[in-house]
Amino acid sequence: MIPSFVVKKIWAALILIAFVFISYAPAMRNGFVWDDTALILRDPLIRSWRLIPEGFNHFLFVDATASDFYRPI
């Protein structure tokens, strides 16, 4: 038998996860905005896990246009 304090912690975690999901669910109905199309749909560097290091060595956009975007590490 699982101790009651463990069950309470599990329920609390499940309720928190459900609350977060319910809070953000409406955002899933929206489409892309601003530069999402260029950075997500047309970026070949996000198609493979092994290309992640390459993303730190290239321009923000695939077409290498200059931009003033901040790129945190």
PDB file of N, CA and C in Angstrom:
ATOM      1  N   MET A   1       0.843  -1.176   0.000  1.00  0.00           N
ATOM      2  CA  MET A   1       0.000   0.000   0.000  1.00  0.00           C
ATOM      3  C   MET A   1       0.891   1.243   0.000  1.00  0.00           C
ATOM      4  N   ILE A   2       0.512   2.209  -0.803  1.00  0.00           N
ATOM      5  CA  ILE A   2       1.266   3.458  -0.912  1.00  0.00           C
ATOM      6  C   ILE A   2       0.863   4.381   0.236  1.00  0.00           C
ATOM      7  N   PRO A   3       1.839   4.994   0.910  1.00  0.00           N
ATOM      8  CA  PRO A   3       1.510   5.914   2.007  1.00  0.00           C
ATOM      9  C   PRO A   3       0.651   7.087   1.517  1.00  0.00           C
ATOM     10  N   SER A   4      -0.195   7.595   2.409  1.00  0.00           N
ATOM     11  CA  SER A   4      -1.149   8.636   2.023  1.00  0.00           C
ATOM     12  C   SER A   4      -0.470   9.939   1.600  1.00  0.00           C
ATOM     13  N   PHE A   5       0.678  10.267   2.193  1.00  0.00           N
ATOM     14  CA  PHE A   5       1.343  11.514   1.795  1.00  0.00           C
ATOM     15  C   PHE A   5       1.876  11.424   0.370  1.00  0.00           C
ATOM     16  N   VAL A   6       2.256  10.225  -0.065  1.00  0.00           N
ATOM     17  CA  VAL A   6       2.713  10.042  -1.445  1.00  0.00           C
ATOM     18  C   VAL A   6       1.535  10.193  -2.399  1.00  0.00           C
ATOM     19  N   VAL A   7       0.402   9.627  -2.032  1.00  0.00           N
ATOM     20  CA  VAL A   7      -0.798   9.745  -2.859  1.00  0.00           C
ATOM     21  C   VAL A   7      -1.214  11.209  -2.977  1.00  0.00           C
ATOM     22  N   LYS A   8      -1.132  11.951  -1.882  1.00  0.00           N
ATOM     23  CA  LYS A   8      -1.480  13.378  -1.917  1.00  0.00           C
ATOM     24  C   LYS A   8      -0.540  14.152  -2.836  1.00  0.00           C
ATOM     25  N   LYS A   9       0.746  13.825  -2.800  1.00  0.00           N
ATOM     26  CA  LYS A   9       1.704  14.497  -3.673  1.00  0.00           C
ATOM     27  C   LYS A   9       1.433  14.167  -5.140  1.00  0.00           C
ATOM     28  N   ILE A  10       1.087  12.926  -5.403  1.00  0.00           N
ATOM     29  CA  ILE A  10       0.772  12.529  -6.777  1.00  0.00           C
ATOM     30  C   ILE A  10      -0.458  13.270  -7.273  1.00  0.00           C
ATOM     31  N   TRP A  11      -1.496  13.332  -6.452  1.00  0.00           N
ATOM     32  CA  TRP A  11      -2.709  14.061  -6.835  1.00  0.00           C
ATOM     33  C   TRP A  11      -2.422  15.541  -7.039  1.00  0.00           C
ATOM     34  N   ALA A  12      -1.610  16.127  -6.181  1.00  0.00           N
ATOM     35  CA  ALA A  12      -1.265  17.543  -6.325  1.00  0.00           C
ATOM     36  C   ALA A  12      -0.527  17.786  -7.643  1.00  0.00           C
ATOM     37  N   ALA A  13       0.387  16.893  -7.982  1.00  0.00           N
ATOM     38  CA  ALA A  13       1.124  17.030  -9.241  1.00  0.00           C
ATOM     39  C   ALA A  13       0.194  16.875 -10.435  1.00  0.00           C
ATOM     40  N   LEU A  14      -0.711  15.915 -10.380  1.00  0.00           N
ATOM     41  CA  LEU A  14      -1.663  15.711 -11.478  1.00  0.00           C
ATOM     42  C   LEU A  14      -2.597  16.902 -11.646  1.00  0.00           C
ATOM     43  N   ILE A  15      -3.044  17.463 -10.541  1.00  0.00           N
ATOM     44  CA  ILE A  15      -3.917  18.640 -10.608  1.00  0.00           C
ATOM     45  C   ILE A  15      -3.154  19.824 -11.200  1.00  0.00           C
ATOM     46  N   LEU A  16      -1.905  19.990 -10.809  1.00  0.00           N
ATOM     47  CA  LEU A  16      -1.091  21.075 -11.350  1.00  0.00           C
ATOM     48  C   LEU A  16      -0.874  20.904 -12.853  1.00  0.00           C
ATOM     49  N   ILE A  17      -0.562  19.690 -13.283  1.00  0.00           N
ATOM     50  CA  ILE A  17      -0.374  19.415 -14.710  1.00  0.00           C
ATOM     51  C   ILE A  17      -1.660  19.684 -15.477  1.00  0.00           C
ATOM     52  N   ALA A  18      -2.792  19.246 -14.936  1.00  0.00           N
ATOM     53  CA  ALA A  18      -4.077  19.485 -15.591  1.00  0.00           C
ATOM     54  C   ALA A  18      -4.376  20.976 -15.683  1.00  0.00           C
ATOM     55  N   PHE A  19      -4.094  21.720 -14.622  1.00  0.00           N
ATOM     56  CA  PHE A  19      -4.336  23.161 -14.619  1.00  0.00           C
ATOM     57  C   PHE A  19      -3.488  23.867 -15.677  1.00  0.00           C
ATOM     58  N   VAL A  20      -2.224  23.487 -15.775  1.00  0.00           N
ATOM     59  CA  VAL A  20      -1.340  24.093 -16.772  1.00  0.00           C
ATOM     60  C   VAL A  20      -1.826  23.760 -18.178  1.00  0.00           C
ATOM     61  N   PHE A  21      -2.192  22.507 -18.417  1.00  0.00           N
ATOM     62  CA  PHE A  21      -2.684  22.104 -19.734  1.00  0.00           C
ATOM     63  C   PHE A  21      -3.955  22.860 -20.098  1.00  0.00           C
ATOM     64  N   ILE A  22      -4.891  22.959 -19.162  1.00  0.00           N
ATOM     65  CA  ILE A  22      -6.144  23.670 -19.420  1.00  0.00           C
ATOM     66  C   ILE A  22      -5.877  25.150 -19.679  1.00  0.00           C
ATOM     67  N   SER A  23      -4.923  25.720 -18.977  1.00  0.00           N
ATOM     68  CA  SER A  23      -4.601  27.138 -19.162  1.00  0.00           C
ATOM     69  C   SER A  23      -4.011  27.424 -20.541  1.00  0.00           C
ATOM     70  N   TYR A  24      -3.167  26.528 -21.046  1.00  0.00           N
ATOM     71  CA  TYR A  24      -2.492  26.763 -22.316  1.00  0.00           C
ATOM     72  C   TYR A  24      -3.197  26.128 -23.511  1.00  0.00           C
ATOM     73  N   ALA A  25      -4.204  25.320 -23.304  1.00  0.00           N
ATOM     74  CA  ALA A  25      -4.888  24.639 -24.399  1.00  0.00           C
ATOM     75  C   ALA A  25      -5.451  25.596 -25.447  1.00  0.00           C
ATOM     76  N   PRO A  26      -6.050  26.722 -25.076  1.00  0.00           N
ATOM     77  CA  PRO A  26      -6.566  27.623 -26.120  1.00  0.00           C
ATOM     78  C   PRO A  26      -5.484  28.141 -27.070  1.00  0.00           C
ATOM     79  N   ALA A  27      -4.263  28.236 -26.629  1.00  0.00           N
ATOM     80  CA  ALA A  27      -3.184  28.723 -27.492  1.00  0.00           C
ATOM     81  C   ALA A  27      -2.869  27.750 -28.619  1.00  0.00           C
ATOM     82  N   MET A  28      -3.200  26.493 -28.455  1.00  0.00           N
ATOM     83  CA  MET A  28      -2.915  25.496 -29.479  1.00  0.00           C
ATOM     84  C   MET A  28      -3.783  25.670 -30.726  1.00  0.00           C
ATOM     85  N   ARG A  29      -4.874  26.402 -30.621  1.00  0.00           N
ATOM     86  CA  ARG A  29      -5.752  26.624 -31.774  1.00  0.00           C
ATOM     87  C   ARG A  29      -5.241  27.740 -32.671  1.00  0.00           C
ATOM     88  N   ASN A  30      -4.311  28.523 -32.200  1.00  0.00           N
ATOM     89  CA  ASN A  30      -3.806  29.652 -32.974  1.00  0.00           C
ATOM     90  C   ASN A  30      -2.716  29.206 -33.933  1.00  0.00           C
ATOM     91  N   GLY A  31      -2.551  29.963 -34.986  1.00  0.00           N
ATOM     92  CA  GLY A  31      -1.523  29.657 -35.976  1.00  0.00           C
ATOM     93  C   GLY A  31      -0.202  30.310 -35.630  1.00  0.00           C
ATOM     94  N   PHE A  32       0.701  30.248 -36.583  1.00  0.00           N
ATOM     95  CA  PHE A  32       2.007  30.866 -36.405  1.00  0.00           C
ATOM     96  C   PHE A  32       1.897  32.384 -36.495  1.00  0.00           C
ATOM     97  N   VAL A  33       2.783  33.075 -35.824  1.00  0.00           N
ATOM     98  CA  VAL A  33       2.821  34.537 -35.865  1.00  0.00           C
ATOM     99  C   VAL A  33       4.244  35.004 -36.139  1.00  0.00           C
ATOM    100  N   TRP A  34       4.376  36.243 -36.562  1.00  0.00           N
ATOM    101  CA  TRP A  34       5.635  36.927 -36.800  1.00  0.00           C
ATOM    102  C   TRP A  34       6.598  36.095 -37.632  1.00  0.00           C
ATOM    103  N   ASP A  35       7.680  35.634 -37.021  1.00  0.00           N
ATOM    104  CA  ASP A  35       8.722  34.932 -37.764  1.00  0.00           C
ATOM    105  C   ASP A  35       8.690  33.421 -37.550  1.00  0.00           C
ATOM    106  N   ASP A  36       7.594  32.892 -37.030  1.00  0.00           N
ATOM    107  CA  ASP A  36       7.519  31.455 -36.758  1.00  0.00           C
ATOM    108  C   ASP A  36       7.670  30.622 -38.023  1.00  0.00           C
ATOM    109  N   THR A  37       7.086  31.077 -39.118  1.00  0.00           N
ATOM    110  CA  THR A  37       7.178  30.319 -40.364  1.00  0.00           C
ATOM    111  C   THR A  37       8.632  30.174 -40.796  1.00  0.00           C
ATOM    112  N   ALA A  38       9.378  31.262 -40.747  1.00  0.00           N
ATOM    113  CA  ALA A  38      10.786  31.208 -41.164  1.00  0.00           C
ATOM    114  C   ALA A  38      11.639  30.417 -40.188  1.00  0.00           C
ATOM    115  N   LEU A  39      11.371  30.549 -38.905  1.00  0.00           N
ATOM    116  CA  LEU A  39      12.230  29.913 -37.903  1.00  0.00           C
ATOM    117  C   LEU A  39      11.870  28.466 -37.608  1.00  0.00           C
ATOM    118  N   ILE A  40      10.648  28.062 -37.923  1.00  0.00           N
ATOM    119  CA  ILE A  40      10.219  26.704 -37.595  1.00  0.00           C
ATOM    120  C   ILE A  40       9.973  25.870 -38.846  1.00  0.00           C
ATOM    121  N   LEU A  41       9.162  26.367 -39.748  1.00  0.00           N
ATOM    122  CA  LEU A  41       8.791  25.564 -40.909  1.00  0.00           C
ATOM    123  C   LEU A  41       9.890  25.465 -41.961  1.00  0.00           C
ATOM    124  N   ARG A  42      10.694  26.518 -42.131  1.00  0.00           N
ATOM    125  CA  ARG A  42      11.703  26.521 -43.191  1.00  0.00           C
ATOM    126  C   ARG A  42      13.126  26.322 -42.699  1.00  0.00           C
ATOM    127  N   ASP A  43      13.335  26.068 -41.444  1.00  0.00           N
ATOM    128  CA  ASP A  43      14.689  25.933 -40.907  1.00  0.00           C
ATOM    129  C   ASP A  43      15.142  24.474 -40.940  1.00  0.00           C
ATOM    130  N   PRO A  44      16.117  24.134 -41.786  1.00  0.00           N
ATOM    131  CA  PRO A  44      16.575  22.744 -41.852  1.00  0.00           C
ATOM    132  C   PRO A  44      17.368  22.313 -40.620  1.00  0.00           C
ATOM    133  N   LEU A  45      17.843  23.265 -39.821  1.00  0.00           N
ATOM    134  CA  LEU A  45      18.662  22.918 -38.656  1.00  0.00           C
ATOM    135  C   LEU A  45      17.862  22.316 -37.513  1.00  0.00           C
ATOM    136  N   ILE A  46      16.537  22.406 -37.550  1.00  0.00           N
ATOM    137  CA  ILE A  46      15.739  21.820 -36.471  1.00  0.00           C
ATOM    138  C   ILE A  46      15.133  20.481 -36.866  1.00  0.00           C
ATOM    139  N   ARG A  47      15.602  19.914 -37.951  1.00  0.00           N
ATOM    140  CA  ARG A  47      15.065  18.637 -38.420  1.00  0.00           C
ATOM    141  C   ARG A  47      15.769  17.425 -37.816  1.00  0.00           C
ATOM    142  N   SER A  48      16.924  17.632 -37.208  1.00  0.00           N
ATOM    143  CA  SER A  48      17.689  16.515 -36.664  1.00  0.00           C
ATOM    144  C   SER A  48      18.388  16.941 -35.380  1.00  0.00           C
ATOM    145  N   TRP A  49      18.473  16.027 -34.427  1.00  0.00           N
ATOM    146  CA  TRP A  49      19.142  16.315 -33.155  1.00  0.00           C
ATOM    147  C   TRP A  49      20.623  16.592 -33.355  1.00  0.00           C
ATOM    148  N   ARG A  50      21.246  15.937 -34.325  1.00  0.00           N
ATOM    149  CA  ARG A  50      22.686  16.100 -34.510  1.00  0.00           C
ATOM    150  C   ARG A  50      23.049  17.453 -35.104  1.00  0.00           C
ATOM    151  N   LEU A  51      22.061  18.204 -35.599  1.00  0.00           N
ATOM    152  CA  LEU A  51      22.321  19.525 -36.169  1.00  0.00           C
ATOM    153  C   LEU A  51      22.192  20.656 -35.151  1.00  0.00           C
ATOM    154  N   ILE A  52      21.895  20.339 -33.906  1.00  0.00           N
ATOM    155  CA  ILE A  52      21.738  21.378 -32.880  1.00  0.00           C
ATOM    156  C   ILE A  52      22.993  22.243 -32.748  1.00  0.00           C
ATOM    157  N   PRO A  53      24.201  21.676 -32.697  1.00  0.00           N
ATOM    158  CA  PRO A  53      25.388  22.547 -32.606  1.00  0.00           C
ATOM    159  C   PRO A  53      25.528  23.494 -33.800  1.00  0.00           C
ATOM    160  N   GLU A  54      25.062  23.084 -34.959  1.00  0.00           N
ATOM    161  CA  GLU A  54      25.140  23.942 -36.143  1.00  0.00           C
ATOM    162  C   GLU A  54      24.292  25.195 -35.980  1.00  0.00           C
ATOM    163  N   GLY A  55      23.231  25.116 -35.202  1.00  0.00           N
ATOM    164  CA  GLY A  55      22.359  26.262 -34.989  1.00  0.00           C
ATOM    165  C   GLY A  55      23.050  27.417 -34.296  1.00  0.00           C
ATOM    166  N   PHE A  56      24.128  27.153 -33.589  1.00  0.00           N
ATOM    167  CA  PHE A  56      24.875  28.206 -32.906  1.00  0.00           C
ATOM    168  C   PHE A  56      25.947  28.832 -33.802  1.00  0.00           C
ATOM    169  N   ASN A  57      26.134  28.276 -34.986  1.00  0.00           N
ATOM    170  CA  ASN A  57      27.159  28.772 -35.904  1.00  0.00           C
ATOM    171  C   ASN A  57      26.589  29.454 -37.141  1.00  0.00           C
ATOM    172  N   HIS A  58      25.284  29.566 -37.250  1.00  0.00           N
ATOM    173  CA  HIS A  58      24.650  30.124 -38.434  1.00  0.00           C
ATOM    174  C   HIS A  58      23.792  31.324 -38.078  1.00  0.00           C
ATOM    175  N   PHE A  59      23.362  32.009 -39.139  1.00  0.00           N
ATOM    176  CA  PHE A  59      22.461  33.134 -38.962  1.00  0.00           C
ATOM    177  C   PHE A  59      21.132  32.662 -38.406  1.00  0.00           C
ATOM    178  N   LEU A  60      20.373  33.590 -37.887  1.00  0.00           N
ATOM    179  CA  LEU A  60      19.073  33.266 -37.310  1.00  0.00           C
ATOM    180  C   LEU A  60      18.128  32.720 -38.363  1.00  0.00           C
ATOM    181  N   PHE A  61      18.104  33.356 -39.522  1.00  0.00           N
ATOM    182  CA  PHE A  61      17.231  32.909 -40.603  1.00  0.00           C
ATOM    183  C   PHE A  61      18.029  32.102 -41.612  1.00  0.00           C
ATOM    184  N   VAL A  62      17.355  31.210 -42.308  1.00  0.00           N
ATOM    185  CA  VAL A  62      18.007  30.342 -43.277  1.00  0.00           C
ATOM    186  C   VAL A  62      18.624  31.152 -44.408  1.00  0.00           C
ATOM    187  N   ASP A  63      17.945  32.236 -44.825  1.00  0.00           N
ATOM    188  CA  ASP A  63      18.437  33.011 -45.965  1.00  0.00           C
ATOM    189  C   ASP A  63      19.537  34.002 -45.588  1.00  0.00           C
ATOM    190  N   ALA A  64      20.018  33.984 -44.369  1.00  0.00           N
ATOM    191  CA  ALA A  64      21.159  34.777 -43.895  1.00  0.00           C
ATOM    192  C   ALA A  64      20.937  36.279 -43.991  1.00  0.00           C
ATOM    193  N   THR A  65      19.711  36.712 -43.832  1.00  0.00           N
ATOM    194  CA  THR A  65      19.455  38.147 -43.809  1.00  0.00           C
ATOM    195  C   THR A  65      19.840  38.701 -42.443  1.00  0.00           C
ATOM    196  N   ALA A  66      20.268  39.929 -42.434  1.00  0.00           N
ATOM    197  CA  ALA A  66      20.646  40.559 -41.166  1.00  0.00           C
ATOM    198  C   ALA A  66      19.410  40.799 -40.311  1.00  0.00           C
ATOM    199  N   SER A  67      19.568  40.659 -39.009  1.00  0.00           N
ATOM    200  CA  SER A  67      18.439  40.885 -38.110  1.00  0.00           C
ATOM    201  C   SER A  67      18.947  41.428 -36.783  1.00  0.00           C
ATOM    202  N   ASP A  68      18.052  42.055 -36.061  1.00  0.00           N
ATOM    203  CA  ASP A  68      18.381  42.599 -34.749  1.00  0.00           C
ATOM    204  C   ASP A  68      17.847  41.728 -33.619  1.00  0.00           C
ATOM    205  N   PHE A  69      17.563  40.477 -33.899  1.00  0.00           N
ATOM    206  CA  PHE A  69      17.010  39.588 -32.891  1.00  0.00           C
ATOM    207  C   PHE A  69      18.079  39.187 -31.883  1.00  0.00           C
ATOM    208  N   TYR A  70      17.676  39.113 -30.643  1.00  0.00           N
ATOM    209  CA  TYR A  70      18.551  38.653 -29.571  1.00  0.00           C
ATOM    210  C   TYR A  70      18.532  37.137 -29.556  1.00  0.00           C
ATOM    211  N   ARG A  71      19.686  36.513 -29.562  1.00  0.00           N
ATOM    212  CA  ARG A  71      19.780  35.052 -29.562  1.00  0.00           C
ATOM    213  C   ARG A  71      20.455  34.581 -28.287  1.00  0.00           C
ATOM    214  N   PRO A  72      19.698  34.332 -27.238  1.00  0.00           N
ATOM    215  CA  PRO A  72      20.323  33.850 -26.002  1.00  0.00           C
ATOM    216  C   PRO A  72      20.881  32.446 -26.184  1.00  0.00           C
ATOM    217  N   ILE A  73      21.850  32.125 -25.385  1.00  0.00           N
ATOM    218  CA  ILE A  73      22.461  30.790 -25.459  1.00  0.00           C
ATOM    219  C   ILE A  73      21.596  29.810 -24.720  1.00  0.00           C
TER     220      ILE A  73
END
